[in-house]
N, C-alpha and C. Protein backbone atom coordinates (compact mmCIF):
# COMPACT_ATOMS: atom_id res chain seq x y z
N UNK A 1 14.65 -59.83 -1.84
CA UNK A 1 14.87 -58.25 -1.56
C UNK A 1 16.47 -58.46 -0.78
N UNK A 2 17.33 -57.87 -1.34
CA UNK A 2 18.49 -57.53 -0.76
C UNK A 2 18.44 -56.78 0.47
N UNK A 3 19.68 -56.84 1.47
CA UNK A 3 19.72 -55.98 2.47
C UNK A 3 20.01 -54.68 2.39
N UNK A 4 20.62 -54.56 1.32
CA UNK A 4 21.07 -53.16 0.67
C UNK A 4 20.64 -53.05 -0.90
N UNK A 5 19.46 -52.72 -0.91
CA UNK A 5 18.85 -52.81 -2.49
C UNK A 5 19.33 -51.55 -3.19
N UNK A 6 20.15 -50.59 -2.64
CA UNK A 6 20.75 -49.53 -3.27
C UNK A 6 21.94 -50.08 -4.02
N UNK A 7 22.46 -51.29 -3.68
CA UNK A 7 23.54 -51.89 -4.32
C UNK A 7 23.17 -52.74 -5.30
N UNK A 8 21.99 -53.04 -5.56
CA UNK A 8 21.51 -54.12 -6.44
C UNK A 8 21.63 -53.40 -8.05
N UNK A 9 22.47 -53.52 -8.78
CA UNK A 9 22.39 -52.98 -9.93
C UNK A 9 21.42 -53.82 -11.13
N UNK A 10 20.49 -53.20 -11.71
CA UNK A 10 19.93 -53.80 -12.91
C UNK A 10 20.47 -53.39 -14.26
N UNK A 11 20.99 -54.28 -14.87
CA UNK A 11 21.93 -53.89 -15.93
C UNK A 11 21.02 -53.89 -17.31
N UNK A 12 21.09 -52.92 -18.22
CA UNK A 12 20.31 -53.41 -19.48
C UNK A 12 21.38 -54.12 -20.46
N UNK A 13 20.65 -54.70 -21.43
CA UNK A 13 21.40 -55.59 -22.23
C UNK A 13 22.22 -54.47 -23.19
N UNK A 14 23.46 -54.38 -23.10
CA UNK A 14 24.14 -53.41 -24.35
C UNK A 14 25.30 -54.30 -25.11
N UNK A 15 25.66 -53.59 -26.20
CA UNK A 15 26.40 -54.06 -27.22
C UNK A 15 27.99 -53.89 -26.42
N UNK A 16 28.62 -54.69 -26.72
CA UNK A 16 30.09 -54.94 -26.25
C UNK A 16 30.99 -54.16 -27.06
N UNK A 17 31.89 -52.99 -26.62
CA UNK A 17 32.75 -52.42 -27.42
C UNK A 17 34.00 -52.60 -26.78
N UNK A 18 35.13 -52.32 -27.45
CA UNK A 18 36.29 -52.42 -26.90
C UNK A 18 37.14 -51.13 -27.04
N UNK A 19 37.55 -50.64 -25.83
CA UNK A 19 38.30 -49.50 -25.68
C UNK A 19 39.66 -49.93 -25.16
N UNK A 20 40.65 -50.10 -26.31
CA UNK A 20 41.93 -50.62 -26.11
C UNK A 20 41.88 -51.92 -26.03
N UNK A 21 42.16 -52.62 -24.53
CA UNK A 21 42.02 -53.93 -24.15
C UNK A 21 40.83 -54.22 -23.32
N UNK A 22 40.15 -52.87 -23.22
CA UNK A 22 39.12 -52.87 -21.92
C UNK A 22 37.81 -53.44 -22.61
N UNK A 23 37.16 -54.51 -22.24
CA UNK A 23 35.68 -54.89 -22.88
C UNK A 23 34.76 -54.02 -21.98
N UNK A 24 33.96 -53.19 -22.92
CA UNK A 24 32.65 -52.35 -22.10
C UNK A 24 31.48 -52.98 -22.56
N UNK A 25 30.45 -52.94 -21.62
CA UNK A 25 29.15 -53.60 -21.88
C UNK A 25 28.70 -54.90 -21.99
N UNK A 26 27.83 -55.24 -22.24
CA UNK A 26 27.32 -56.70 -22.09
C UNK A 26 27.60 -57.23 -20.68
N UNK A 27 28.03 -58.38 -20.52
CA UNK A 27 28.33 -58.73 -19.15
C UNK A 27 29.41 -58.38 -18.40
N UNK A 28 30.27 -57.79 -19.08
CA UNK A 28 31.41 -57.57 -18.64
C UNK A 28 31.46 -56.72 -17.38
N UNK A 29 32.47 -56.66 -16.51
CA UNK A 29 32.38 -55.96 -15.26
C UNK A 29 32.18 -54.28 -15.57
N UNK A 30 31.64 -53.58 -14.79
CA UNK A 30 31.21 -52.23 -15.02
C UNK A 30 32.59 -51.41 -14.91
N UNK A 31 33.07 -50.49 -15.97
CA UNK A 31 34.47 -49.97 -15.94
C UNK A 31 34.54 -48.61 -14.89
N UNK A 32 35.38 -48.46 -14.70
CA UNK A 32 35.64 -47.00 -13.83
C UNK A 32 36.61 -46.13 -14.79
N UNK A 33 35.93 -44.76 -14.91
CA UNK A 33 36.78 -44.08 -15.73
C UNK A 33 36.73 -42.85 -14.78
N UNK A 34 37.89 -42.04 -15.12
CA UNK A 34 38.06 -40.83 -14.59
C UNK A 34 38.78 -39.88 -15.53
N UNK A 35 39.18 -38.69 -15.14
CA UNK A 35 39.53 -37.82 -16.21
C UNK A 35 40.55 -37.02 -15.49
N UNK A 36 41.78 -36.57 -16.20
CA UNK A 36 42.76 -36.00 -15.89
C UNK A 36 42.34 -34.39 -15.81
N UNK A 37 43.12 -33.74 -14.88
CA UNK A 37 42.78 -32.28 -14.66
C UNK A 37 43.94 -31.26 -15.16
N UNK A 38 45.06 -32.36 -15.70
CA UNK A 38 46.41 -31.51 -16.15
C UNK A 38 46.20 -30.84 -17.33
N UNK A 39 47.02 -30.03 -17.83
CA UNK A 39 47.01 -29.70 -19.24
C UNK A 39 47.60 -30.85 -19.82
N UNK A 40 47.00 -31.47 -21.00
CA UNK A 40 47.68 -32.58 -21.87
C UNK A 40 48.96 -32.34 -22.11
N UNK A 41 49.16 -30.92 -22.48
CA UNK A 41 50.60 -30.65 -23.03
C UNK A 41 51.47 -30.49 -22.09
N UNK A 42 51.38 -30.73 -20.59
CA UNK A 42 52.26 -30.95 -19.80
C UNK A 42 52.56 -32.53 -19.52
N UNK A 43 53.22 -33.08 -20.46
CA UNK A 43 53.12 -34.50 -20.72
C UNK A 43 53.68 -35.22 -19.39
N UNK A 44 54.77 -34.70 -18.76
CA UNK A 44 55.14 -35.39 -17.42
C UNK A 44 54.17 -35.33 -16.25
N UNK A 45 53.24 -34.41 -16.25
CA UNK A 45 52.19 -34.19 -15.12
C UNK A 45 51.04 -35.06 -15.42
N UNK A 46 50.75 -35.24 -16.88
CA UNK A 46 49.67 -35.90 -17.37
C UNK A 46 49.88 -37.53 -17.10
N UNK A 47 51.00 -37.77 -17.60
CA UNK A 47 51.42 -39.23 -17.29
C UNK A 47 51.30 -39.80 -15.72
N UNK A 48 51.97 -38.56 -14.90
CA UNK A 48 51.93 -38.81 -13.58
C UNK A 48 50.48 -39.05 -13.07
N UNK A 49 49.61 -38.29 -13.49
CA UNK A 49 48.22 -38.28 -12.76
C UNK A 49 47.64 -39.42 -13.42
N UNK A 50 47.56 -39.87 -14.91
CA UNK A 50 47.24 -40.88 -15.45
C UNK A 50 47.62 -42.25 -14.61
N UNK A 51 48.90 -42.41 -14.18
CA UNK A 51 49.39 -43.39 -13.33
C UNK A 51 48.69 -43.58 -11.98
N UNK A 52 48.48 -42.32 -11.47
CA UNK A 52 47.69 -42.46 -9.99
C UNK A 52 46.33 -42.76 -10.06
N UNK A 53 45.62 -42.31 -11.54
CA UNK A 53 44.34 -42.55 -11.56
C UNK A 53 44.11 -44.15 -11.61
N UNK A 54 45.03 -44.91 -12.46
CA UNK A 54 45.07 -46.11 -12.58
C UNK A 54 45.30 -46.91 -11.32
N UNK A 55 46.19 -46.45 -10.46
CA UNK A 55 46.75 -47.04 -9.23
C UNK A 55 45.29 -47.07 -8.32
N UNK A 56 44.51 -46.24 -8.36
CA UNK A 56 43.49 -45.95 -7.91
C UNK A 56 42.11 -46.89 -8.16
N UNK A 57 42.30 -47.60 -9.18
CA UNK A 57 41.52 -48.54 -9.69
C UNK A 57 40.52 -48.32 -10.94
N UNK A 58 41.03 -47.23 -11.56
CA UNK A 58 40.39 -46.83 -13.07
C UNK A 58 40.75 -47.71 -14.06
N UNK A 59 39.77 -48.10 -15.30
CA UNK A 59 39.98 -48.93 -16.14
C UNK A 59 40.46 -48.02 -17.38
N UNK A 60 40.06 -46.99 -17.29
CA UNK A 60 39.68 -45.99 -18.56
C UNK A 60 40.31 -44.81 -18.01
N UNK A 61 40.97 -43.79 -18.91
CA UNK A 61 41.18 -42.35 -18.54
C UNK A 61 40.75 -41.46 -19.43
N UNK A 62 40.39 -40.33 -19.26
CA UNK A 62 39.92 -39.35 -20.27
C UNK A 62 40.77 -38.24 -20.14
N UNK A 63 41.30 -37.58 -21.08
CA UNK A 63 42.20 -36.33 -21.23
C UNK A 63 41.69 -35.75 -22.31
N UNK A 64 41.87 -34.11 -21.86
CA UNK A 64 41.23 -33.13 -22.81
C UNK A 64 42.13 -32.86 -23.88
N UNK A 65 41.54 -32.85 -25.09
CA UNK A 65 42.41 -32.49 -26.23
C UNK A 65 41.65 -31.44 -27.11
N UNK A 66 41.83 -30.08 -26.50
CA UNK A 66 41.30 -28.83 -27.06
C UNK A 66 41.85 -28.17 -28.12
N UNK A 67 43.39 -28.51 -28.27
CA UNK A 67 44.15 -27.96 -29.23
C UNK A 67 44.94 -28.93 -29.81
N UNK A 68 45.58 -28.59 -30.95
CA UNK A 68 46.54 -29.41 -31.71
C UNK A 68 47.80 -29.89 -31.05
N UNK A 69 48.48 -29.11 -30.10
CA UNK A 69 49.54 -29.73 -29.25
C UNK A 69 49.05 -30.54 -28.12
N UNK A 70 47.94 -30.60 -27.76
CA UNK A 70 47.16 -31.46 -26.70
C UNK A 70 47.02 -32.98 -27.47
N UNK A 71 46.29 -32.81 -28.64
CA UNK A 71 46.12 -34.09 -29.35
C UNK A 71 47.36 -34.76 -29.74
N UNK A 72 48.63 -34.23 -30.18
CA UNK A 72 49.63 -34.53 -30.58
C UNK A 72 50.64 -35.05 -29.36
N UNK A 73 50.18 -34.41 -28.32
CA UNK A 73 51.05 -34.84 -26.89
C UNK A 73 50.62 -36.50 -26.59
N UNK A 74 49.46 -36.91 -26.86
CA UNK A 74 49.33 -38.43 -26.63
C UNK A 74 50.27 -39.25 -27.21
N UNK A 75 50.83 -38.98 -28.31
CA UNK A 75 51.80 -39.88 -28.90
C UNK A 75 52.81 -40.09 -27.77
N UNK A 76 53.38 -39.35 -27.00
CA UNK A 76 54.44 -39.60 -26.17
C UNK A 76 54.02 -40.22 -24.77
N UNK A 77 52.66 -39.54 -24.41
CA UNK A 77 51.91 -39.96 -23.28
C UNK A 77 51.82 -41.56 -23.25
N UNK A 78 51.23 -41.92 -24.50
CA UNK A 78 50.83 -43.33 -24.49
C UNK A 78 51.87 -44.42 -24.54
N UNK A 79 53.19 -43.95 -24.68
CA UNK A 79 54.13 -44.73 -24.51
C UNK A 79 54.64 -44.92 -23.01
N UNK A 80 54.14 -44.35 -22.26
CA UNK A 80 54.40 -44.47 -20.66
C UNK A 80 53.28 -44.91 -19.82
N UNK A 81 52.35 -45.09 -20.34
CA UNK A 81 51.03 -45.72 -19.60
C UNK A 81 50.57 -47.16 -20.24
N UNK A 82 49.63 -47.80 -19.29
CA UNK A 82 49.31 -49.07 -19.79
C UNK A 82 47.69 -49.05 -19.51
N UNK A 83 47.16 -47.94 -19.70
CA UNK A 83 45.39 -47.71 -19.72
C UNK A 83 45.01 -47.10 -20.88
N UNK A 84 44.01 -47.50 -21.22
CA UNK A 84 43.47 -46.73 -22.52
C UNK A 84 42.99 -45.47 -22.18
N UNK A 85 43.22 -44.43 -23.17
CA UNK A 85 43.06 -43.00 -23.16
C UNK A 85 41.79 -42.89 -23.99
N UNK A 86 41.01 -41.96 -23.22
CA UNK A 86 39.55 -41.67 -23.95
C UNK A 86 40.05 -39.95 -24.27
N UNK A 87 40.28 -39.48 -25.67
CA UNK A 87 40.49 -38.24 -25.95
C UNK A 87 38.97 -37.43 -25.97
N UNK A 88 39.01 -36.43 -25.09
CA UNK A 88 37.98 -35.46 -24.99
C UNK A 88 38.09 -34.30 -26.04
N UNK A 89 37.18 -34.39 -27.13
CA UNK A 89 37.51 -33.53 -28.39
C UNK A 89 36.59 -32.17 -28.17
N UNK A 90 37.27 -30.90 -28.42
CA UNK A 90 36.37 -29.97 -28.37
C UNK A 90 36.30 -29.23 -29.61
N UNK A 91 35.36 -29.25 -29.95
CA UNK A 91 34.91 -28.19 -31.15
C UNK A 91 35.68 -28.44 -32.62
N UNK A 92 36.67 -29.14 -32.72
CA UNK A 92 37.25 -29.00 -33.74
C UNK A 92 37.62 -30.35 -34.51
N UNK A 93 37.02 -31.00 -35.40
CA UNK A 93 37.29 -32.20 -35.95
C UNK A 93 38.55 -32.83 -36.14
N UNK A 94 39.55 -31.82 -36.25
CA UNK A 94 40.95 -32.48 -36.71
C UNK A 94 41.50 -33.03 -35.56
N UNK A 95 41.07 -32.41 -34.36
CA UNK A 95 41.72 -32.74 -33.10
C UNK A 95 41.28 -34.27 -32.81
N UNK A 96 40.18 -34.70 -33.17
CA UNK A 96 39.67 -36.13 -33.20
C UNK A 96 40.73 -36.86 -34.20
N UNK A 97 40.79 -36.50 -35.22
CA UNK A 97 41.66 -37.23 -36.16
C UNK A 97 43.22 -37.49 -35.67
N UNK A 98 43.60 -36.24 -35.02
CA UNK A 98 44.93 -36.36 -34.63
C UNK A 98 45.03 -37.31 -33.42
N UNK A 99 44.09 -37.13 -32.54
CA UNK A 99 44.18 -37.97 -31.10
C UNK A 99 43.98 -39.29 -31.82
N UNK A 100 43.27 -39.69 -32.63
CA UNK A 100 43.26 -41.14 -33.26
C UNK A 100 44.56 -41.69 -33.68
N UNK A 101 45.16 -40.65 -34.28
CA UNK A 101 46.63 -41.03 -35.09
C UNK A 101 47.59 -41.16 -33.86
N UNK A 102 47.36 -40.63 -32.59
CA UNK A 102 48.37 -40.59 -31.73
C UNK A 102 48.12 -41.47 -30.65
N UNK A 103 47.38 -42.40 -30.64
CA UNK A 103 47.34 -43.29 -29.64
C UNK A 103 45.83 -43.39 -28.52
N UNK A 104 44.99 -42.67 -28.98
CA UNK A 104 43.84 -42.65 -28.22
C UNK A 104 43.08 -43.77 -28.52
N UNK A 105 42.26 -44.42 -27.59
CA UNK A 105 41.74 -45.72 -27.90
C UNK A 105 40.03 -45.53 -28.00
N UNK A 106 40.00 -44.22 -27.77
CA UNK A 106 38.50 -43.79 -27.91
C UNK A 106 38.32 -42.20 -28.08
N UNK A 107 37.52 -41.76 -28.87
CA UNK A 107 37.17 -40.40 -29.03
C UNK A 107 35.80 -40.05 -28.17
N UNK A 108 35.81 -39.10 -27.53
CA UNK A 108 34.68 -38.66 -26.85
C UNK A 108 34.30 -37.21 -27.66
N UNK A 109 33.34 -37.50 -28.58
CA UNK A 109 33.05 -36.23 -29.47
C UNK A 109 31.47 -35.93 -29.27
N UNK A 110 31.35 -34.66 -29.80
CA UNK A 110 29.92 -34.06 -29.76
C UNK A 110 29.86 -33.83 -31.24
N UNK A 111 28.82 -34.60 -31.98
CA UNK A 111 28.78 -34.33 -33.27
C UNK A 111 28.15 -32.94 -33.69
N UNK A 112 27.49 -32.25 -33.05
CA UNK A 112 26.94 -30.79 -33.02
C UNK A 112 28.11 -29.94 -33.05
N UNK A 113 29.31 -30.37 -32.42
CA UNK A 113 30.49 -29.37 -32.27
C UNK A 113 31.37 -29.83 -33.42
N UNK A 114 31.42 -30.66 -33.94
CA UNK A 114 32.37 -31.39 -34.99
C UNK A 114 32.22 -30.49 -36.49
N UNK A 115 31.12 -30.36 -36.86
CA UNK A 115 30.85 -29.72 -37.87
C UNK A 115 29.84 -30.68 -38.89
N UNK A 116 29.98 -30.33 -40.29
CA UNK A 116 29.23 -30.99 -41.24
C UNK A 116 29.31 -32.51 -41.10
N UNK A 117 28.42 -33.13 -42.02
CA UNK A 117 28.58 -34.40 -42.19
C UNK A 117 29.85 -34.95 -42.81
N UNK A 118 30.51 -34.29 -43.79
CA UNK A 118 31.81 -34.63 -44.28
C UNK A 118 33.01 -34.89 -43.02
N UNK A 119 32.80 -33.66 -42.13
CA UNK A 119 33.95 -33.80 -41.23
C UNK A 119 33.74 -34.89 -40.41
N UNK A 120 32.36 -35.33 -40.15
CA UNK A 120 31.78 -36.44 -38.95
C UNK A 120 32.46 -37.78 -39.83
N UNK A 121 32.44 -37.87 -41.38
CA UNK A 121 32.75 -39.15 -41.69
C UNK A 121 34.41 -39.26 -41.99
N UNK A 122 35.01 -37.82 -41.82
CA UNK A 122 36.60 -38.08 -41.75
C UNK A 122 37.00 -38.44 -40.22
N UNK A 123 36.32 -37.88 -39.31
CA UNK A 123 36.53 -38.51 -37.79
C UNK A 123 36.36 -40.05 -37.78
N UNK A 124 35.23 -40.51 -38.42
CA UNK A 124 34.94 -41.89 -38.53
C UNK A 124 35.96 -42.65 -39.03
N UNK A 125 36.46 -42.27 -40.15
CA UNK A 125 37.19 -43.04 -41.10
C UNK A 125 38.59 -43.03 -40.24
N UNK A 126 39.24 -41.88 -39.68
CA UNK A 126 40.24 -42.12 -38.95
C UNK A 126 40.12 -42.70 -37.59
N UNK A 127 38.88 -42.89 -36.87
CA UNK A 127 38.94 -43.67 -35.79
C UNK A 127 38.89 -45.37 -36.23
N UNK A 128 38.31 -45.49 -37.45
CA UNK A 128 38.10 -46.87 -37.85
C UNK A 128 39.82 -47.42 -38.32
N UNK A 129 40.32 -46.67 -38.89
CA UNK A 129 41.69 -46.95 -39.36
C UNK A 129 42.81 -47.02 -38.12
N UNK A 130 42.46 -46.69 -37.18
CA UNK A 130 43.32 -46.55 -35.99
C UNK A 130 42.75 -47.52 -34.90
N UNK A 131 41.79 -48.21 -35.31
CA UNK A 131 41.25 -49.10 -34.02
C UNK A 131 40.74 -48.32 -32.90
N UNK A 132 39.95 -47.16 -33.01
CA UNK A 132 39.75 -46.16 -31.91
C UNK A 132 38.19 -46.35 -31.85
N UNK A 133 37.55 -46.49 -30.90
CA UNK A 133 36.20 -46.42 -30.42
C UNK A 133 35.57 -44.97 -30.38
N UNK A 134 34.31 -44.79 -30.42
CA UNK A 134 33.86 -43.36 -30.24
C UNK A 134 32.78 -43.69 -29.27
N UNK A 135 32.83 -42.54 -28.53
CA UNK A 135 31.57 -42.05 -27.49
C UNK A 135 31.24 -40.96 -27.72
N UNK A 136 29.76 -41.17 -28.14
CA UNK A 136 29.16 -39.51 -28.44
C UNK A 136 28.23 -39.09 -27.17
N UNK A 137 28.60 -37.72 -27.11
CA UNK A 137 28.12 -37.18 -25.83
C UNK A 137 27.76 -35.88 -26.47
N UNK A 138 26.58 -35.46 -25.56
CA UNK A 138 25.98 -34.37 -26.17
C UNK A 138 25.53 -33.60 -24.98
N UNK A 139 25.33 -32.27 -25.04
CA UNK A 139 24.94 -31.62 -23.96
C UNK A 139 24.20 -30.20 -24.50
N UNK A 140 23.36 -29.64 -23.53
CA UNK A 140 22.40 -28.55 -24.09
C UNK A 140 23.40 -27.30 -24.45
N UNK A 141 24.67 -27.16 -24.16
CA UNK A 141 25.51 -26.16 -24.49
C UNK A 141 25.78 -26.33 -26.00
N UNK A 142 25.60 -27.34 -26.43
CA UNK A 142 26.02 -27.46 -27.97
C UNK A 142 24.92 -27.66 -28.92
N UNK A 143 23.78 -27.24 -28.50
CA UNK A 143 22.42 -27.45 -29.37
C UNK A 143 22.76 -26.02 -30.35
N UNK A 144 22.49 -26.27 -31.67
CA UNK A 144 22.61 -25.27 -32.73
C UNK A 144 21.28 -24.57 -32.49
N UNK A 145 21.31 -23.36 -32.95
CA UNK A 145 20.17 -22.22 -32.81
C UNK A 145 18.91 -22.73 -33.43
N UNK A 146 19.13 -23.11 -34.38
CA UNK A 146 17.91 -23.68 -35.33
C UNK A 146 17.16 -24.79 -34.34
N UNK A 147 17.97 -25.71 -33.83
CA UNK A 147 17.29 -26.91 -33.09
C UNK A 147 16.74 -26.35 -31.82
N UNK A 148 17.48 -25.14 -30.97
CA UNK A 148 16.77 -24.49 -29.87
C UNK A 148 15.65 -23.67 -30.17
N UNK A 149 15.56 -23.25 -31.49
CA UNK A 149 14.24 -22.37 -31.63
C UNK A 149 13.10 -23.26 -32.09
N UNK A 150 13.46 -24.53 -32.60
CA UNK A 150 12.47 -25.48 -32.94
C UNK A 150 11.86 -26.13 -31.68
N UNK A 151 12.84 -26.46 -30.62
CA UNK A 151 12.07 -27.00 -29.33
C UNK A 151 11.81 -25.91 -28.12
N UNK A 152 12.34 -24.78 -28.40
CA UNK A 152 12.15 -23.69 -27.42
C UNK A 152 13.15 -23.74 -26.26
N UNK A 153 13.63 -24.93 -26.02
CA UNK A 153 14.68 -25.17 -24.85
C UNK A 153 15.27 -26.40 -24.92
N UNK A 154 16.24 -26.56 -24.08
CA UNK A 154 17.04 -27.88 -24.23
C UNK A 154 16.16 -28.89 -23.67
N UNK A 155 16.21 -29.87 -24.48
CA UNK A 155 15.29 -31.24 -24.09
C UNK A 155 15.71 -32.42 -24.43
N UNK A 156 15.47 -33.58 -24.09
CA UNK A 156 15.90 -34.94 -24.71
C UNK A 156 15.77 -35.05 -26.36
N UNK A 157 14.61 -34.47 -26.83
CA UNK A 157 14.35 -34.82 -28.22
C UNK A 157 15.17 -33.71 -28.90
N UNK A 158 15.71 -32.61 -28.34
CA UNK A 158 16.53 -31.62 -29.15
C UNK A 158 18.04 -32.52 -28.94
N UNK A 159 18.26 -32.85 -28.00
CA UNK A 159 19.60 -33.62 -27.94
C UNK A 159 19.88 -34.72 -28.67
N UNK A 160 18.74 -35.30 -29.10
CA UNK A 160 19.08 -36.57 -29.90
C UNK A 160 18.87 -36.25 -31.40
N UNK A 161 18.10 -34.99 -31.67
CA UNK A 161 18.06 -34.41 -33.08
C UNK A 161 19.65 -33.80 -33.37
């Protein structure tokens, strides 16, 4: 028994993925991620904040890409930083495609917000073609009406479906 058992981390066996040059999972060190709170279209402020986040020890940084100008701003941002960017995609599958084409090393998507299977396949294809990982994230706010009606409330089973 450890003196500080709350510091003992029992890790599950996980698959290793690559986000840019950072290995995540397996027996690799636990990565630290933070997120900018600048408008991604404010390229200068976003670069500055990403550099500050990296200087504080983060391995990965997430930026919001809610619109076309934000996802396209990644092209300039990535020229001035040396930490992998995870693009947080909001509702439109084209933002994910643009982000992967403009330097994001990972996409954080919610498939329920992306649309039909064809759009999801287009995102997968763009990510694969650009060496971009994908992080799937879901939350109760994105559950479709038919799923909510089926389960009566947000629950783990509804999120999985």
